[in-house]
Amino acid sequence: MTALQVRAMVLADCDRVSEIRIRGWQSAYRGLMPQSHLDALNVSEDAERRRAWFARGDGSVVNLVADSGGEVVGWAAHGAYRDGEVRTADAELYAIYVDPARLGAGIGQALLAESVRQCTAAGRPRMHLWVVEGNTAARRFYERAGFHTDGAQEPFEVDGVKVPEVRYTRRLTA
């Protein structure tokens, strides 16, 4: 694989990020949420929404991409932790997805490391993230990176089916 570079996402990355996100959902959540929902996910619609969000972004969400030889192969987003509608001093990893064909190549680790580095440099005391309870591969990934469950749980609903999520936390140090 060509050298991996983690960089700030630009508007031109939106289509590829949407493709990675949708394929990531379809791969990671198979059997964990209704297949009809996963099958209905649409890359073009997601890209259109992503371009609109990105264009009006206020800087509160940091979007990063992993670039390998000019090809975007992963995406992560982080910002202030959301406690309901309130933003806190803690950080939250909102999303991290890697091209399913490239899993295990260190792309997710590079994206997570850069998100942690940026949040630490910004003085955030902790980073939180939510993961689907049954997503054992993701849970192992975060545990290897020093995250642990803190007991918080929150189900969300997908097509009438409750999908439980658990919160992971990691203390950040300068």
C-alpha atoms as a PDB file:
ATOM      1  CA  MET A   1       0.000   0.000   0.000  1.00  0.00           C
ATOM      2  CA  THR A   2       1.159   3.539  -0.766  1.00  0.00           C
ATOM      3  CA  ALA A   3       2.102   5.679   2.231  1.00  0.00           C
ATOM      4  CA  LEU A   4      -0.933   6.680   4.217  1.00  0.00           C
ATOM      5  CA  GLN A   5      -1.593  10.345   4.945  1.00  0.00           C
ATOM      6  CA  VAL A   6      -4.274  11.545   7.352  1.00  0.00           C
ATOM      7  CA  ARG A   7      -5.444  14.984   6.309  1.00  0.00           C
ATOM      8  CA  ALA A   8      -8.368  17.371   6.645  1.00  0.00           C
ATOM      9  CA  MET A   9     -11.320  16.413   4.485  1.00  0.00           C
ATOM     10  CA  VAL A  10     -12.174  18.721   1.577  1.00  0.00           C
ATOM     11  CA  LEU A  11     -15.445  19.129  -0.299  1.00  0.00           C
ATOM     12  CA  ALA A  12     -14.159  17.001  -3.183  1.00  0.00           C
ATOM     13  CA  ASP A  13     -13.853  14.030  -0.767  1.00  0.00           C
ATOM     14  CA  CYS A  14     -17.591  13.916   0.017  1.00  0.00           C
ATOM     15  CA  ASP A  15     -18.574  11.341  -2.616  1.00  0.00           C
ATOM     16  CA  ARG A  16     -15.849   8.905  -1.611  1.00  0.00           C
ATOM     17  CA  VAL A  17     -16.501   9.443   2.112  1.00  0.00           C
ATOM     18  CA  SER A  18     -20.175   8.641   1.549  1.00  0.00           C
ATOM     19  CA  GLU A  19     -19.257   5.495  -0.349  1.00  0.00           C
ATOM     20  CA  ILE A  20     -16.965   4.378   2.481  1.00  0.00           C
ATOM     21  CA  ARG A  21     -19.580   5.223   5.125  1.00  0.00           C
ATOM     22  CA  ILE A  22     -22.435   3.375   3.389  1.00  0.00           C
ATOM     23  CA  ARG A  23     -20.311   0.307   2.531  1.00  0.00           C
ATOM     24  CA  GLY A  24     -19.002   0.389   6.096  1.00  0.00           C
ATOM     25  CA  TRP A  25     -22.530   0.348   7.522  1.00  0.00           C
ATOM     26  CA  GLN A  26     -23.568  -2.443   5.181  1.00  0.00           C
ATOM     27  CA  SER A  27     -20.561  -4.515   6.210  1.00  0.00           C
ATOM     28  CA  ALA A  28     -20.263  -3.764   9.943  1.00  0.00           C
ATOM     29  CA  TYR A  29     -23.965  -3.830  10.813  1.00  0.00           C
ATOM     30  CA  ARG A  30     -25.058  -6.881   8.827  1.00  0.00           C
ATOM     31  CA  GLY A  31     -27.111  -8.957  11.260  1.00  0.00           C
ATOM     32  CA  LEU A  32     -27.160  -6.157  13.840  1.00  0.00           C
ATOM     33  CA  MET A  33     -29.942  -4.083  12.259  1.00  0.00           C
ATOM     34  CA  PRO A  34     -32.625  -4.752   9.663  1.00  0.00           C
ATOM     35  CA  GLN A  35     -31.120  -5.815   6.343  1.00  0.00           C
ATOM     36  CA  SER A  36     -33.852  -3.891   4.519  1.00  0.00           C
ATOM     37  CA  HIS A  37     -32.507  -0.685   6.072  1.00  0.00           C
ATOM     38  CA  LEU A  38     -28.917  -1.492   5.089  1.00  0.00           C
ATOM     39  CA  ASP A  39     -29.962  -2.392   1.547  1.00  0.00           C
ATOM     40  CA  ALA A  40     -31.844   0.910   1.211  1.00  0.00           C
ATOM     41  CA  LEU A  41     -28.839   3.092   2.093  1.00  0.00           C
ATOM     42  CA  ASN A  42     -27.969   5.227  -0.915  1.00  0.00           C
ATOM     43  CA  VAL A  43     -24.482   6.566  -1.576  1.00  0.00           C
ATOM     44  CA  SER A  44     -25.685   9.408  -3.852  1.00  0.00           C
ATOM     45  CA  GLU A  45     -28.227  10.670  -1.317  1.00  0.00           C
ATOM     46  CA  ASP A  46     -25.685  10.454   1.497  1.00  0.00           C
ATOM     47  CA  ALA A  47     -23.121  12.358  -0.607  1.00  0.00           C
ATOM     48  CA  GLU A  48     -25.631  15.084  -1.377  1.00  0.00           C
ATOM     49  CA  ARG A  49     -26.402  15.542   2.345  1.00  0.00           C
ATOM     50  CA  ARG A  50     -22.701  15.392   3.210  1.00  0.00           C
ATOM     51  CA  ARG A  51     -21.819  18.105   0.660  1.00  0.00           C
ATOM     52  CA  ALA A  52     -24.549  20.363   2.104  1.00  0.00           C
ATOM     53  CA  TRP A  53     -23.376  19.784   5.709  1.00  0.00           C
ATOM     54  CA  PHE A  54     -19.773  20.275   4.725  1.00  0.00           C
ATOM     55  CA  ALA A  55     -20.475  23.521   2.839  1.00  0.00           C
ATOM     56  CA  ARG A  56     -22.257  25.081   5.809  1.00  0.00           C
ATOM     57  CA  GLY A  57     -19.905  23.630   8.426  1.00  0.00           C
ATOM     58  CA  ASP A  58     -19.107  25.914  11.319  1.00  0.00           C
ATOM     59  CA  GLY A  59     -15.856  24.209  12.285  1.00  0.00           C
ATOM     60  CA  SER A  60     -17.390  22.405  15.263  1.00  0.00           C
ATOM     61  CA  VAL A  61     -16.897  19.025  13.548  1.00  0.00           C
ATOM     62  CA  VAL A  62     -13.431  18.011  12.398  1.00  0.00           C
ATOM     63  CA  ASN A  63     -13.538  15.685   9.390  1.00  0.00           C
ATOM     64  CA  LEU A  64     -10.390  13.734   8.561  1.00  0.00           C
ATOM     65  CA  VAL A  65      -9.657  11.372   5.702  1.00  0.00           C
ATOM     66  CA  ALA A  66      -6.996   8.744   5.234  1.00  0.00           C
ATOM     67  CA  ASP A  67      -5.449   9.146   1.803  1.00  0.00           C
ATOM     68  CA  SER A  68      -3.387   6.452   0.126  1.00  0.00           C
ATOM     69  CA  GLY A  69      -1.794   7.551  -3.119  1.00  0.00           C
ATOM     70  CA  GLY A  70      -4.540  10.079  -3.819  1.00  0.00           C
ATOM     71  CA  GLU A  71      -7.384   7.681  -2.963  1.00  0.00           C
ATOM     72  CA  VAL A  72      -9.500   8.274   0.131  1.00  0.00           C
ATOM     73  CA  VAL A  73      -9.588   4.965   2.043  1.00  0.00           C
ATOM     74  CA  GLY A  74     -11.037   6.048   5.387  1.00  0.00           C
ATOM     75  CA  TRP A  75     -12.872   8.824   7.205  1.00  0.00           C
ATOM     76  CA  ALA A  76     -13.260   9.995  10.784  1.00  0.00           C
ATOM     77  CA  ALA A  77     -15.127  12.868  12.414  1.00  0.00           C
ATOM     78  CA  HIS A  78     -14.779  14.276  15.908  1.00  0.00           C
ATOM     79  CA  GLY A  79     -15.760  17.308  17.948  1.00  0.00           C
ATOM     80  CA  ALA A  80     -17.224  18.259  21.299  1.00  0.00           C
ATOM     81  CA  TYR A  81     -19.113  15.560  23.187  1.00  0.00           C
ATOM     82  CA  ARG A  82     -22.871  15.928  22.767  1.00  0.00           C
ATOM     83  CA  ASP A  83     -24.827  15.486  25.981  1.00  0.00           C
ATOM     84  CA  GLY A  84     -28.254  15.914  24.446  1.00  0.00           C
ATOM     85  CA  GLU A  85     -28.123  19.334  22.817  1.00  0.00           C
ATOM     86  CA  VAL A  86     -25.312  20.564  25.074  1.00  0.00           C
ATOM     87  CA  ARG A  87     -21.681  20.454  23.921  1.00  0.00           C
ATOM     88  CA  THR A  88     -19.265  19.606  26.735  1.00  0.00           C
ATOM     89  CA  ALA A  89     -15.517  20.020  27.323  1.00  0.00           C
ATOM     90  CA  ASP A  90     -14.991  16.358  26.451  1.00  0.00           C
ATOM     91  CA  ALA A  91     -14.410  15.136  22.895  1.00  0.00           C
ATOM     92  CA  GLU A  92     -16.519  12.689  20.943  1.00  0.00           C
ATOM     93  CA  LEU A  93     -15.486  10.490  18.054  1.00  0.00           C
ATOM     94  CA  TYR A  94     -18.641  10.811  15.965  1.00  0.00           C
ATOM     95  CA  ALA A  95     -17.648   8.374  13.242  1.00  0.00           C
ATOM     96  CA  ILE A  96     -14.795   6.335  11.854  1.00  0.00           C
ATOM     97  CA  TYR A  97     -15.107   4.176   8.758  1.00  0.00           C
ATOM     98  CA  VAL A  98     -12.585   2.402   6.572  1.00  0.00           C
ATOM     99  CA  ASP A  99     -13.099   1.029   3.075  1.00  0.00           C
ATOM    100  CA  PRO A 100     -14.223  -2.557   3.912  1.00  0.00           C
ATOM    101  CA  ALA A 101     -11.724  -3.936   1.362  1.00  0.00           C
ATOM    102  CA  ARG A 102      -8.893  -2.299   3.360  1.00  0.00           C
ATOM    103  CA  LEU A 103      -9.785  -3.353   6.896  1.00  0.00           C
ATOM    104  CA  GLY A 104      -6.803  -4.506   8.947  1.00  0.00           C
ATOM    105  CA  ALA A 105      -4.272  -2.296   7.135  1.00  0.00           C
ATOM    106  CA  GLY A 106      -3.865   0.246   9.979  1.00  0.00           C
ATOM    107  CA  ILE A 107      -6.098   2.891   8.390  1.00  0.00           C
ATOM    108  CA  GLY A 108      -8.535   3.016  11.303  1.00  0.00           C
ATOM    109  CA  GLN A 109      -5.652   3.156  13.764  1.00  0.00           C
ATOM    110  CA  ALA A 110      -4.131   6.116  11.911  1.00  0.00           C
ATOM    111  CA  LEU A 111      -7.437   7.999  11.821  1.00  0.00           C
ATOM    112  CA  LEU A 112      -8.143   7.318  15.489  1.00  0.00           C
ATOM    113  CA  ALA A 113      -4.613   8.303  16.523  1.00  0.00           C
ATOM    114  CA  GLU A 114      -4.913  11.643  14.708  1.00  0.00           C
ATOM    115  CA  SER A 115      -8.349  12.332  16.216  1.00  0.00           C
ATOM    116  CA  VAL A 116      -6.992  11.563  19.694  1.00  0.00           C
ATOM    117  CA  ARG A 117      -3.919  13.738  19.035  1.00  0.00           C
ATOM    118  CA  GLN A 118      -6.012  16.701  17.903  1.00  0.00           C
ATOM    119  CA  CYS A 119      -8.445  16.430  20.822  1.00  0.00           C
ATOM    120  CA  THR A 120      -5.579  16.103  23.296  1.00  0.00           C
ATOM    121  CA  ALA A 121      -3.867  19.160  21.790  1.00  0.00           C
ATOM    122  CA  ALA A 122      -7.160  21.063  22.118  1.00  0.00           C
ATOM    123  CA  GLY A 123      -7.144  20.344  25.865  1.00  0.00           C
ATOM    124  CA  ARG A 124     -10.121  17.993  25.930  1.00  0.00           C
ATOM    125  CA  PRO A 125      -9.938  15.811  29.071  1.00  0.00           C
ATOM    126  CA  ARG A 126     -11.664  12.700  27.670  1.00  0.00           C
ATOM    127  CA  MET A 127     -12.888  11.223  24.421  1.00  0.00           C
ATOM    128  CA  HIS A 128     -16.174   9.323  24.231  1.00  0.00           C
ATOM    129  CA  LEU A 129     -17.684   7.296  21.420  1.00  0.00           C
ATOM    130  CA  TRP A 130     -20.743   5.149  20.888  1.00  0.00           C
ATOM    131  CA  VAL A 131     -20.569   1.693  19.336  1.00  0.00           C
ATOM    132  CA  VAL A 132     -23.307  -0.788  18.451  1.00  0.00           C
ATOM    133  CA  GLU A 133     -23.264  -3.322  21.266  1.00  0.00           C
ATOM    134  CA  GLY A 134     -23.077  -6.338  18.961  1.00  0.00           C
ATOM    135  CA  ASN A 135     -20.233  -4.944  16.840  1.00  0.00           C
ATOM    136  CA  THR A 136     -17.523  -7.042  18.467  1.00  0.00           C
ATOM    137  CA  ALA A 137     -14.834  -6.162  15.908  1.00  0.00           C
ATOM    138  CA  ALA A 138     -15.263  -2.426  16.562  1.00  0.00           C
ATOM    139  CA  ARG A 139     -15.355  -2.986  20.302  1.00  0.00           C
ATOM    140  CA  ARG A 140     -12.046  -4.897  20.188  1.00  0.00           C
ATOM    141  CA  PHE A 141     -10.547  -2.138  18.015  1.00  0.00           C
ATOM    142  CA  TYR A 142     -11.438   0.562  20.555  1.00  0.00           C
ATOM    143  CA  GLU A 143     -10.358  -1.545  23.525  1.00  0.00           C
ATOM    144  CA  ARG A 144      -6.928  -2.109  21.925  1.00  0.00           C
ATOM    145  CA  ALA A 145      -6.695   1.686  21.547  1.00  0.00           C
ATOM    146  CA  GLY A 146      -7.206   2.237  25.281  1.00  0.00           C
ATOM    147  CA  PHE A 147     -10.964   2.865  25.380  1.00  0.00           C
ATOM    148  CA  HIS A 148     -13.207   1.142  27.922  1.00  0.00           C
ATOM    149  CA  THR A 149     -16.941   0.915  28.443  1.00  0.00           C
ATOM    150  CA  ASP A 150     -18.194   3.274  31.119  1.00  0.00           C
ATOM    151  CA  GLY A 151     -21.627   1.715  31.696  1.00  0.00           C
ATOM    152  CA  ALA A 152     -23.665   4.165  29.619  1.00  0.00           C
ATOM    153  CA  GLN A 153     -26.050   2.578  27.125  1.00  0.00           C
ATOM    154  CA  GLU A 154     -28.410   4.096  24.637  1.00  0.00           C
ATOM    155  CA  PRO A 155     -30.599   2.303  22.121  1.00  0.00           C
ATOM    156  CA  PHE A 156     -31.505   3.911  18.846  1.00  0.00           C
ATOM    157  CA  GLU A 157     -34.212   2.694  16.565  1.00  0.00           C
ATOM    158  CA  VAL A 158     -33.799   1.493  13.001  1.00  0.00           C
ATOM    159  CA  ASP A 159     -36.996   0.625  11.117  1.00  0.00           C
ATOM    160  CA  GLY A 160     -38.760  -0.183  14.384  1.00  0.00           C
ATOM    161  CA  VAL A 161     -35.921  -2.338  15.753  1.00  0.00           C
ATOM    162  CA  LYS A 162     -33.970  -1.203  18.817  1.00  0.00           C
ATOM    163  CA  VAL A 163     -30.234  -1.257  18.232  1.00  0.00           C
ATOM    164  CA  PRO A 164     -28.375  -0.947  21.546  1.00  0.00           C
ATOM    165  CA  GLU A 165     -25.219   1.137  21.718  1.00  0.00           C
ATOM    166  CA  VAL A 166     -22.634   1.283  24.499  1.00  0.00           C
ATOM    167  CA  ARG A 167     -20.385   4.207  25.294  1.00  0.00           C
ATOM    168  CA  TYR A 168     -16.617   3.904  25.376  1.00  0.00           C
ATOM    169  CA  THR A 169     -14.340   6.449  27.062  1.00  0.00           C
ATOM    170  CA  ARG A 170     -10.639   7.208  27.101  1.00  0.00           C
ATOM    171  CA  ARG A 171      -8.842   9.780  29.211  1.00  0.00           C
ATOM    172  CA  LEU A 172      -6.701  12.124  27.115  1.00  0.00           C
ATOM    173  CA  THR A 173      -3.396  13.384  28.421  1.00  0.00           C
ATOM    174  CA  ALA A 174      -1.110  16.060  27.054  1.00  0.00           C
END
